[in-house]
C-alpha atoms as a PDB file:
ATOM      1  CA  MET A   1       9.164 -21.170 -20.174  1.00  0.00           C
ATOM      2  CA  SER A   2       6.354 -18.630 -20.437  1.00  0.00           C
ATOM      3  CA  THR A   3       5.046 -16.616 -17.484  1.00  0.00           C
ATOM      4  CA  ALA A   4       1.655 -18.331 -17.732  1.00  0.00           C
ATOM      5  CA  THR A   5       3.325 -21.744 -17.568  1.00  0.00           C
ATOM      6  CA  ARG A   6       5.312 -20.744 -14.479  1.00  0.00           C
ATOM      7  CA  ILE A   7       2.216 -19.439 -12.719  1.00  0.00           C
ATOM      8  CA  TYR A   8       0.381 -22.676 -13.556  1.00  0.00           C
ATOM      9  CA  GLU A   9       3.264 -24.734 -12.117  1.00  0.00           C
ATOM     10  CA  ILE A  10       3.454 -22.639  -8.943  1.00  0.00           C
ATOM     11  CA  ARG A  11      -0.273 -22.924  -8.326  1.00  0.00           C
ATOM     12  CA  ASN A  12      -0.284 -26.659  -8.993  1.00  0.00           C
ATOM     13  CA  THR A  13       2.669 -27.333  -6.679  1.00  0.00           C
ATOM     14  CA  ASP A  14       1.245 -25.163  -3.907  1.00  0.00           C
ATOM     15  CA  ARG A  15       0.312 -27.636  -1.185  1.00  0.00           C
ATOM     16  CA  SER A  16      -0.371 -25.160   1.601  1.00  0.00           C
ATOM     17  CA  PRO A  17      -3.527 -25.480   3.723  1.00  0.00           C
ATOM     18  CA  GLU A  18      -6.603 -23.650   2.457  1.00  0.00           C
ATOM     19  CA  GLY A  19      -6.427 -19.915   3.115  1.00  0.00           C
ATOM     20  CA  VAL A  20      -2.694 -19.704   3.927  1.00  0.00           C
ATOM     21  CA  ILE A  21      -1.713 -18.245   0.568  1.00  0.00           C
ATOM     22  CA  THR A  22      -4.317 -15.622  -0.253  1.00  0.00           C
ATOM     23  CA  GLY A  23      -3.022 -14.508  -3.637  1.00  0.00           C
ATOM     24  CA  TYR A  24      -0.170 -13.658  -5.952  1.00  0.00           C
ATOM     25  CA  HIS A  25       0.885 -10.186  -7.049  1.00  0.00           C
ATOM     26  CA  ALA A  26       3.233  -8.279  -9.296  1.00  0.00           C
ATOM     27  CA  ALA A  27       5.888  -6.178  -7.566  1.00  0.00           C
ATOM     28  CA  LEU A  28       6.416  -2.992  -9.566  1.00  0.00           C
ATOM     29  CA  SER A  29       9.585  -0.923  -9.497  1.00  0.00           C
ATOM     30  CA  ARG A  30       8.451   2.566  -8.512  1.00  0.00           C
ATOM     31  CA  ARG A  31      11.590   4.048 -10.065  1.00  0.00           C
ATOM     32  CA  ALA A  32      10.908   2.314 -13.395  1.00  0.00           C
ATOM     33  CA  ILE A  33       7.464   3.926 -13.542  1.00  0.00           C
ATOM     34  CA  GLY A  34       8.790   7.373 -12.640  1.00  0.00           C
ATOM     35  CA  PHE A  35       8.415   7.636  -8.861  1.00  0.00           C
ATOM     36  CA  GLY A  36      11.884   8.320  -7.462  1.00  0.00           C
ATOM     37  CA  VAL A  37      10.756   9.322  -3.975  1.00  0.00           C
ATOM     38  CA  LEU A  38       9.139   7.130  -1.322  1.00  0.00           C
ATOM     39  CA  ALA A  39       8.140   8.796   1.947  1.00  0.00           C
ATOM     40  CA  PHE A  40       6.600   7.548   5.188  1.00  0.00           C
ATOM     41  CA  VAL A  41       4.398  10.290   6.625  1.00  0.00           C
ATOM     42  CA  MET A  42       3.024  10.144  10.166  1.00  0.00           C
ATOM     43  CA  VAL A  43      -0.120  12.193  10.748  1.00  0.00           C
ATOM     44  CA  GLY A  44      -2.029  13.135  13.880  1.00  0.00           C
ATOM     45  CA  ILE A  45      -5.552  14.526  13.750  1.00  0.00           C
ATOM     46  CA  ASP A  46      -7.010  16.841  16.398  1.00  0.00           C
ATOM     47  CA  HIS A  47     -10.155  14.901  17.256  1.00  0.00           C
ATOM     48  CA  GLN A  48      -9.925  11.207  16.580  1.00  0.00           C
ATOM     49  CA  ASN A  49     -13.327   9.611  16.529  1.00  0.00           C
ATOM     50  CA  GLU A  50     -15.050   7.374  14.009  1.00  0.00           C
ATOM     51  CA  GLU A  51     -16.489  10.237  11.929  1.00  0.00           C
ATOM     52  CA  SER A  52     -13.333  12.363  11.740  1.00  0.00           C
ATOM     53  CA  SER A  53     -11.200   9.291  11.006  1.00  0.00           C
ATOM     54  CA  ARG A  54     -13.565   8.283   8.189  1.00  0.00           C
ATOM     55  CA  HIS A  55     -13.485  11.774   6.650  1.00  0.00           C
ATOM     56  CA  PHE A  56      -9.686  11.841   6.877  1.00  0.00           C
ATOM     57  CA  GLN A  57      -9.435   8.383   5.313  1.00  0.00           C
ATOM     58  CA  GLU A  58     -11.718   9.368   2.422  1.00  0.00           C
ATOM     59  CA  ALA A  59      -9.686  12.521   1.749  1.00  0.00           C
ATOM     60  CA  VAL A  60      -6.339  10.715   1.884  1.00  0.00           C
ATOM     61  CA  CYS A  61      -7.515   7.818  -0.297  1.00  0.00           C
ATOM     62  CA  ALA A  62      -8.462  10.349  -2.991  1.00  0.00           C
ATOM     63  CA  ILE A  63      -4.793  11.372  -3.328  1.00  0.00           C
ATOM     64  CA  PRO A  64      -3.198   9.131  -5.990  1.00  0.00           C
ATOM     65  CA  GLU A  65       0.321   9.516  -4.565  1.00  0.00           C
ATOM     66  CA  VAL A  66      -0.743   7.856  -1.306  1.00  0.00           C
ATOM     67  CA  VAL A  67      -0.093   4.166  -1.937  1.00  0.00           C
ATOM     68  CA  MET A  68      -0.668   2.851   1.606  1.00  0.00           C
ATOM     69  CA  PHE A  69      -2.627   4.076   4.588  1.00  0.00           C
ATOM     70  CA  HIS A  70      -2.546   2.595   8.102  1.00  0.00           C
ATOM     71  CA  GLY A  71      -4.202   3.516  11.374  1.00  0.00           C
ATOM     72  CA  ILE A  72      -1.630   3.254  14.158  1.00  0.00           C
ATOM     73  CA  SER A  73      -1.434   3.646  17.921  1.00  0.00           C
ATOM     74  CA  GLY A  74       0.910   6.014  19.691  1.00  0.00           C
ATOM     75  CA  PRO A  75       1.405   9.776  19.503  1.00  0.00           C
ATOM     76  CA  GLU A  76       0.369   9.869  15.822  1.00  0.00           C
ATOM     77  CA  ASP A  77      -2.852   8.456  14.386  1.00  0.00           C
ATOM     78  CA  PHE A  78      -1.997   7.413  10.836  1.00  0.00           C
ATOM     79  CA  LEU A  79       0.966   6.285   8.760  1.00  0.00           C
ATOM     80  CA  LEU A  80       0.859   7.117   5.049  1.00  0.00           C
ATOM     81  CA  VAL A  81       3.218   5.771   2.395  1.00  0.00           C
ATOM     82  CA  VAL A  82       3.538   8.363  -0.353  1.00  0.00           C
ATOM     83  CA  VAL A  83       5.342   8.310  -3.705  1.00  0.00           C
ATOM     84  CA  ALA A  84       6.420  11.270  -5.836  1.00  0.00           C
ATOM     85  CA  ARG A  85       8.322  11.788  -9.054  1.00  0.00           C
ATOM     86  CA  ASP A  86      10.941  13.936  -7.264  1.00  0.00           C
ATOM     87  CA  LEU A  87      11.308  16.073  -4.152  1.00  0.00           C
ATOM     88  CA  ASP A  88       9.797  19.102  -5.909  1.00  0.00           C
ATOM     89  CA  ALA A  89       6.585  17.270  -6.841  1.00  0.00           C
END
């Protein structure tokens, strides 16, 4: 059975209420595409306000190795998920 046929069947058998399932995605193996390291990095910024948070977010989102970015509460302000080819990268 082809991938397209399977997707068609899944979507046609999906009987969940509107808005419960918001989409389908492909899960990539980071190791298969050359990223052997996954790191969770917690970051605190000196002055957290809307402007400084926005500037920080823009800078971090420009880094291709950052694959997720979350604002968090607690002693740190942000949690970044970062990938790299190896520890020396």
